[in-house]
Amino acid sequence: MILCFLLVRIIRLKDVIGSTDIARSTIYKLIGEGRFPKPFPLIGRSVGWVESEIHEWIRGRIA
């Protein structure tokens, strides 16, 4: 049996802001418009983003 493990790094809002240099309100506006990766629930009211999805979004903005 072959096992394949994917390394997925979860980042919080402060890291998303740091990576994109976009304000919190703008990030949530873009999410609402379907133009930014959606966060997913972690525990309680905490949410996180998949780091690779944020990097992919940034690369799409550059191209």
PDB file of N, CA and C in Angstrom:
ATOM      1  N   MET A   1       0.840  -1.173   0.000  1.00  0.00           N
ATOM      2  CA  MET A   1       0.000   0.000   0.000  1.00  0.00           C
ATOM      3  C   MET A   1       0.888   1.241   0.000  1.00  0.00           C
ATOM      4  N   ILE A   2       0.546   2.199  -0.841  1.00  0.00           N
ATOM      5  CA  ILE A   2       1.304   3.438  -0.926  1.00  0.00           C
ATOM      6  C   ILE A   2       0.510   4.536  -0.226  1.00  0.00           C
ATOM      7  N   LEU A   3       1.158   5.197   0.702  1.00  0.00           N
ATOM      8  CA  LEU A   3       0.518   6.303   1.407  1.00  0.00           C
ATOM      9  C   LEU A   3       1.066   7.617   0.879  1.00  0.00           C
ATOM     10  N   CYS A   4       0.180   8.535   0.645  1.00  0.00           N
ATOM     11  CA  CYS A   4       0.581   9.849   0.164  1.00  0.00           C
ATOM     12  C   CYS A   4       0.106  10.890   1.167  1.00  0.00           C
ATOM     13  N   PHE A   5       1.044  11.644   1.692  1.00  0.00           N
ATOM     14  CA  PHE A   5       0.699  12.682   2.658  1.00  0.00           C
ATOM     15  C   PHE A   5       0.901  14.045   2.028  1.00  0.00           C
ATOM     16  N   LEU A   6      -0.077  14.889   2.186  1.00  0.00           N
ATOM     17  CA  LEU A   6       0.019  16.256   1.709  1.00  0.00           C
ATOM     18  C   LEU A   6       0.286  17.150   2.910  1.00  0.00           C
ATOM     19  N   LEU A   7       1.256  18.011   2.766  1.00  0.00           N
ATOM     20  CA  LEU A   7       1.550  18.959   3.818  1.00  0.00           C
ATOM     21  C   LEU A   7       0.719  20.205   3.566  1.00  0.00           C
ATOM     22  N   VAL A   8      -0.229  20.447   4.431  1.00  0.00           N
ATOM     23  CA  VAL A   8      -1.107  21.595   4.301  1.00  0.00           C
ATOM     24  C   VAL A   8      -0.844  22.507   5.484  1.00  0.00           C
ATOM     25  N   ARG A   9      -0.466  23.734   5.188  1.00  0.00           N
ATOM     26  CA  ARG A   9      -0.203  24.697   6.255  1.00  0.00           C
ATOM     27  C   ARG A   9      -1.410  25.622   6.353  1.00  0.00           C
ATOM     28  N   ILE A  10      -1.912  25.775   7.557  1.00  0.00           N
ATOM     29  CA  ILE A  10      -3.054  26.632   7.825  1.00  0.00           C
ATOM     30  C   ILE A  10      -2.532  27.940   8.397  1.00  0.00           C
ATOM     31  N   ILE A  11      -3.022  29.057   7.849  1.00  0.00           N
ATOM     32  CA  ILE A  11      -2.596  30.356   8.351  1.00  0.00           C
ATOM     33  C   ILE A  11      -3.810  31.142   8.829  1.00  0.00           C
ATOM     34  N   ARG A  12      -3.559  32.028   9.766  1.00  0.00           N
ATOM     35  CA  ARG A  12      -4.623  32.852  10.341  1.00  0.00           C
ATOM     36  C   ARG A  12      -4.677  34.199   9.629  1.00  0.00           C
ATOM     37  N   LEU A  13      -5.663  34.996   9.969  1.00  0.00           N
ATOM     38  CA  LEU A  13      -5.915  36.257   9.285  1.00  0.00           C
ATOM     39  C   LEU A  13      -4.699  37.180   9.291  1.00  0.00           C
ATOM     40  N   LYS A  14      -3.995  37.290  10.408  1.00  0.00           N
ATOM     41  CA  LYS A  14      -2.840  38.189  10.459  1.00  0.00           C
ATOM     42  C   LYS A  14      -1.784  37.790   9.435  1.00  0.00           C
ATOM     43  N   ASP A  15      -1.636  36.499   9.181  1.00  0.00           N
ATOM     44  CA  ASP A  15      -0.677  36.030   8.180  1.00  0.00           C
ATOM     45  C   ASP A  15      -1.182  36.297   6.763  1.00  0.00           C
ATOM     46  N   VAL A  16      -2.497  36.184   6.563  1.00  0.00           N
ATOM     47  CA  VAL A  16      -3.087  36.491   5.259  1.00  0.00           C
ATOM     48  C   VAL A  16      -2.884  37.973   4.949  1.00  0.00           C
ATOM     49  N   ILE A  17      -3.145  38.809   5.945  1.00  0.00           N
ATOM     50  CA  ILE A  17      -2.944  40.248   5.773  1.00  0.00           C
ATOM     51  C   ILE A  17      -1.475  40.540   5.475  1.00  0.00           C
ATOM     52  N   GLY A  18      -0.577  39.894   6.196  1.00  0.00           N
ATOM     53  CA  GLY A  18       0.849  40.095   5.976  1.00  0.00           C
ATOM     54  C   GLY A  18       1.315  39.646   4.603  1.00  0.00           C
ATOM     55  N   SER A  19       0.727  38.566   4.108  1.00  0.00           N
ATOM     56  CA  SER A  19       1.128  38.049   2.791  1.00  0.00           C
ATOM     57  C   SER A  19       0.578  38.875   1.641  1.00  0.00           C
ATOM     58  N   THR A  20      -0.625  39.420   1.827  1.00  0.00           N
ATOM     59  CA  THR A  20      -1.286  40.129   0.732  1.00  0.00           C
ATOM     60  C   THR A  20      -1.197  41.645   0.850  1.00  0.00           C
ATOM     61  N   ASP A  21      -0.951  42.141   2.046  1.00  0.00           N
ATOM     62  CA  ASP A  21      -0.952  43.583   2.342  1.00  0.00           C
ATOM     63  C   ASP A  21      -2.317  44.193   2.019  1.00  0.00           C
ATOM     64  N   ILE A  22      -3.369  43.415   2.264  1.00  0.00           N
ATOM     65  CA  ILE A  22      -4.742  43.856   2.060  1.00  0.00           C
ATOM     66  C   ILE A  22      -5.411  43.928   3.436  1.00  0.00           C
ATOM     67  N   ALA A  23      -6.211  44.957   3.648  1.00  0.00           N
ATOM     68  CA  ALA A  23      -6.894  45.145   4.917  1.00  0.00           C
ATOM     69  C   ALA A  23      -7.927  44.046   5.171  1.00  0.00           C
ATOM     70  N   ARG A  24      -8.199  43.802   6.442  1.00  0.00           N
ATOM     71  CA  ARG A  24      -9.167  42.782   6.856  1.00  0.00           C
ATOM     72  C   ARG A  24     -10.511  43.005   6.167  1.00  0.00           C
ATOM     73  N   SER A  25     -11.009  44.228   6.189  1.00  0.00           N
ATOM     74  CA  SER A  25     -12.319  44.501   5.601  1.00  0.00           C
ATOM     75  C   SER A  25     -12.336  44.213   4.104  1.00  0.00           C
ATOM     76  N   THR A  26     -11.243  44.507   3.426  1.00  0.00           N
ATOM     77  CA  THR A  26     -11.160  44.247   1.987  1.00  0.00           C
ATOM     78  C   THR A  26     -11.108  42.748   1.716  1.00  0.00           C
ATOM     79  N   ILE A  27     -10.395  42.012   2.548  1.00  0.00           N
ATOM     80  CA  ILE A  27     -10.334  40.550   2.392  1.00  0.00           C
ATOM     81  C   ILE A  27     -11.744  39.968   2.482  1.00  0.00           C
ATOM     82  N   TYR A  28     -12.501  40.364   3.507  1.00  0.00           N
ATOM     83  CA  TYR A  28     -13.851  39.822   3.665  1.00  0.00           C
ATOM     84  C   TYR A  28     -14.796  40.312   2.564  1.00  0.00           C
ATOM     85  N   LYS A  29     -14.588  41.511   2.046  1.00  0.00           N
ATOM     86  CA  LYS A  29     -15.372  41.992   0.910  1.00  0.00           C
ATOM     87  C   LYS A  29     -15.103  41.124  -0.315  1.00  0.00           C
ATOM     88  N   LEU A  30     -13.820  40.845  -0.584  1.00  0.00           N
ATOM     89  CA  LEU A  30     -13.457  40.000  -1.723  1.00  0.00           C
ATOM     90  C   LEU A  30     -13.999  38.587  -1.560  1.00  0.00           C
ATOM     91  N   ILE A  31     -13.988  38.066  -0.336  1.00  0.00           N
ATOM     92  CA  ILE A  31     -14.558  36.735  -0.077  1.00  0.00           C
ATOM     93  C   ILE A  31     -16.041  36.744  -0.428  1.00  0.00           C
ATOM     94  N   GLY A  32     -16.737  37.789   0.017  1.00  0.00           N
ATOM     95  CA  GLY A  32     -18.168  37.904  -0.267  1.00  0.00           C
ATOM     96  C   GLY A  32     -18.475  37.980  -1.755  1.00  0.00           C
ATOM     97  N   GLU A  33     -17.544  38.550  -2.506  1.00  0.00           N
ATOM     98  CA  GLU A  33     -17.710  38.661  -3.962  1.00  0.00           C
ATOM     99  C   GLU A  33     -17.224  37.412  -4.693  1.00  0.00           C
ATOM    100  N   GLY A  34     -16.677  36.455  -3.945  1.00  0.00           N
ATOM    101  CA  GLY A  34     -16.160  35.234  -4.563  1.00  0.00           C
ATOM    102  C   GLY A  34     -14.831  35.426  -5.257  1.00  0.00           C
ATOM    103  N   ARG A  35     -14.089  36.470  -4.869  1.00  0.00           N
ATOM    104  CA  ARG A  35     -12.824  36.796  -5.534  1.00  0.00           C
ATOM    105  C   ARG A  35     -11.604  36.532  -4.663  1.00  0.00           C
ATOM    106  N   PHE A  36     -11.790  35.845  -3.533  1.00  0.00           N
ATOM    107  CA  PHE A  36     -10.688  35.541  -2.620  1.00  0.00           C
ATOM    108  C   PHE A  36     -10.995  34.203  -1.957  1.00  0.00           C
ATOM    109  N   PRO A  37      -9.966  33.404  -1.665  1.00  0.00           N
ATOM    110  CA  PRO A  37     -10.210  32.102  -1.031  1.00  0.00           C
ATOM    111  C   PRO A  37     -10.979  32.234   0.285  1.00  0.00           C
ATOM    112  N   LYS A  38     -11.936  31.361   0.478  1.00  0.00           N
ATOM    113  CA  LYS A  38     -12.730  31.366   1.702  1.00  0.00           C
ATOM    114  C   LYS A  38     -11.966  30.692   2.847  1.00  0.00           C
ATOM    115  N   PRO A  39     -12.135  31.227   4.044  1.00  0.00           N
ATOM    116  CA  PRO A  39     -11.546  30.558   5.205  1.00  0.00           C
ATOM    117  C   PRO A  39     -12.421  29.370   5.596  1.00  0.00           C
ATOM    118  N   PHE A  40     -11.898  28.525   6.447  1.00  0.00           N
ATOM    119  CA  PHE A  40     -12.695  27.426   6.968  1.00  0.00           C
ATOM    120  C   PHE A  40     -12.603  27.434   8.493  1.00  0.00           C
ATOM    121  N   PRO A  41     -13.626  26.922   9.166  1.00  0.00           N
ATOM    122  CA  PRO A  41     -13.632  26.948  10.632  1.00  0.00           C
ATOM    123  C   PRO A  41     -12.576  26.017  11.222  1.00  0.00           C
ATOM    124  N   LEU A  42     -11.923  26.492  12.274  1.00  0.00           N
ATOM    125  CA  LEU A  42     -10.943  25.673  12.985  1.00  0.00           C
ATOM    126  C   LEU A  42     -11.563  25.139  14.276  1.00  0.00           C
ATOM    127  N   ILE A  43     -11.843  26.042  15.190  1.00  0.00           N
ATOM    128  CA  ILE A  43     -12.488  25.676  16.448  1.00  0.00           C
ATOM    129  C   ILE A  43     -13.153  26.933  17.003  1.00  0.00           C
ATOM    130  N   GLY A  44     -14.332  26.779  17.524  1.00  0.00           N
ATOM    131  CA  GLY A  44     -15.047  27.944  18.026  1.00  0.00           C
ATOM    132  C   GLY A  44     -15.281  28.948  16.909  1.00  0.00           C
ATOM    133  N   ARG A  45     -14.851  30.184  17.159  1.00  0.00           N
ATOM    134  CA  ARG A  45     -15.023  31.239  16.151  1.00  0.00           C
ATOM    135  C   ARG A  45     -13.760  31.457  15.326  1.00  0.00           C
ATOM    136  N   SER A  46     -12.780  30.621  15.504  1.00  0.00           N
ATOM    137  CA  SER A  46     -11.511  30.753  14.780  1.00  0.00           C
ATOM    138  C   SER A  46     -11.621  30.187  13.371  1.00  0.00           C
ATOM    139  N   VAL A  47     -11.011  30.896  12.426  1.00  0.00           N
ATOM    140  CA  VAL A  47     -10.965  30.417  11.051  1.00  0.00           C
ATOM    141  C   VAL A  47      -9.531  30.448  10.554  1.00  0.00           C
ATOM    142  N   GLY A  48      -9.282  29.709   9.500  1.00  0.00           N
ATOM    143  CA  GLY A  48      -7.956  29.677   8.898  1.00  0.00           C
ATOM    144  C   GLY A  48      -8.066  29.518   7.395  1.00  0.00           C
ATOM    145  N   TRP A  49      -6.966  29.805   6.737  1.00  0.00           N
ATOM    146  CA  TRP A  49      -6.877  29.676   5.283  1.00  0.00           C
ATOM    147  C   TRP A  49      -5.788  28.669   4.958  1.00  0.00           C
ATOM    148  N   VAL A  50      -5.936  27.977   3.853  1.00  0.00           N
ATOM    149  CA  VAL A  50      -4.881  27.097   3.365  1.00  0.00           C
ATOM    150  C   VAL A  50      -3.835  28.004   2.709  1.00  0.00           C
ATOM    151  N   GLU A  51      -2.615  27.948   3.217  1.00  0.00           N
ATOM    152  CA  GLU A  51      -1.564  28.849   2.753  1.00  0.00           C
ATOM    153  C   GLU A  51      -1.361  28.772   1.246  1.00  0.00           C
ATOM    154  N   SER A  52      -1.389  27.567   0.693  1.00  0.00           N
ATOM    155  CA  SER A  52      -1.151  27.412  -0.747  1.00  0.00           C
ATOM    156  C   SER A  52      -2.238  28.101  -1.570  1.00  0.00           C
ATOM    157  N   GLU A  53      -3.476  28.157  -1.061  1.00  0.00           N
ATOM    158  CA  GLU A  53      -4.550  28.846  -1.778  1.00  0.00           C
ATOM    159  C   GLU A  53      -4.300  30.356  -1.808  1.00  0.00           C
ATOM    160  N   ILE A  54      -3.758  30.893  -0.727  1.00  0.00           N
ATOM    161  CA  ILE A  54      -3.441  32.314  -0.672  1.00  0.00           C
ATOM    162  C   ILE A  54      -2.296  32.616  -1.639  1.00  0.00           C
ATOM    163  N   HIS A  55      -1.273  31.767  -1.651  1.00  0.00           N
ATOM    164  CA  HIS A  55      -0.143  31.970  -2.563  1.00  0.00           C
ATOM    165  C   HIS A  55      -0.593  31.857  -4.017  1.00  0.00           C
ATOM    166  N   GLU A  56      -1.495  30.934  -4.288  1.00  0.00           N
ATOM    167  CA  GLU A  56      -2.022  30.777  -5.645  1.00  0.00           C
ATOM    168  C   GLU A  56      -2.805  32.027  -6.056  1.00  0.00           C
ATOM    169  N   TRP A  57      -3.594  32.582  -5.149  1.00  0.00           N
ATOM    170  CA  TRP A  57      -4.332  33.817  -5.429  1.00  0.00           C
ATOM    171  C   TRP A  57      -3.380  34.957  -5.744  1.00  0.00           C
ATOM    172  N   ILE A  58      -2.310  35.072  -4.960  1.00  0.00           N
ATOM    173  CA  ILE A  58      -1.314  36.119  -5.193  1.00  0.00           C
ATOM    174  C   ILE A  58      -0.664  35.948  -6.575  1.00  0.00           C
ATOM    175  N   ARG A  59      -0.281  34.706  -6.911  1.00  0.00           N
ATOM    176  CA  ARG A  59       0.328  34.448  -8.223  1.00  0.00           C
ATOM    177  C   ARG A  59      -0.640  34.812  -9.352  1.00  0.00           C
ATOM    178  N   GLY A  60      -1.937  34.563  -9.152  1.00  0.00           N
ATOM    179  CA  GLY A  60      -2.936  34.915 -10.151  1.00  0.00           C
ATOM    180  C   GLY A  60      -3.059  36.418 -10.347  1.00  0.00           C
ATOM    181  N   ARG A  61      -2.816  37.169  -9.292  1.00  0.00           N
ATOM    182  CA  ARG A  61      -2.873  38.632  -9.392  1.00  0.00           C
ATOM    183  C   ARG A  61      -1.658  39.176 -10.135  1.00  0.00           C
ATOM    184  N   ILE A  62      -0.529  38.483 -10.037  1.00  0.00           N
ATOM    185  CA  ILE A  62       0.712  38.922 -10.678  1.00  0.00           C
ATOM    186  C   ILE A  62       0.662  38.644 -12.181  1.00  0.00           C
ATOM    187  N   ALA A  63       0.093  37.489 -12.525  1.00  0.00           N
ATOM    188  CA  ALA A  63       0.072  37.053 -13.935  1.00  0.00           C
ATOM    189  C   ALA A  63      -0.797  37.893 -14.820  1.00  0.00           C
TER     190      ALA A  63
END
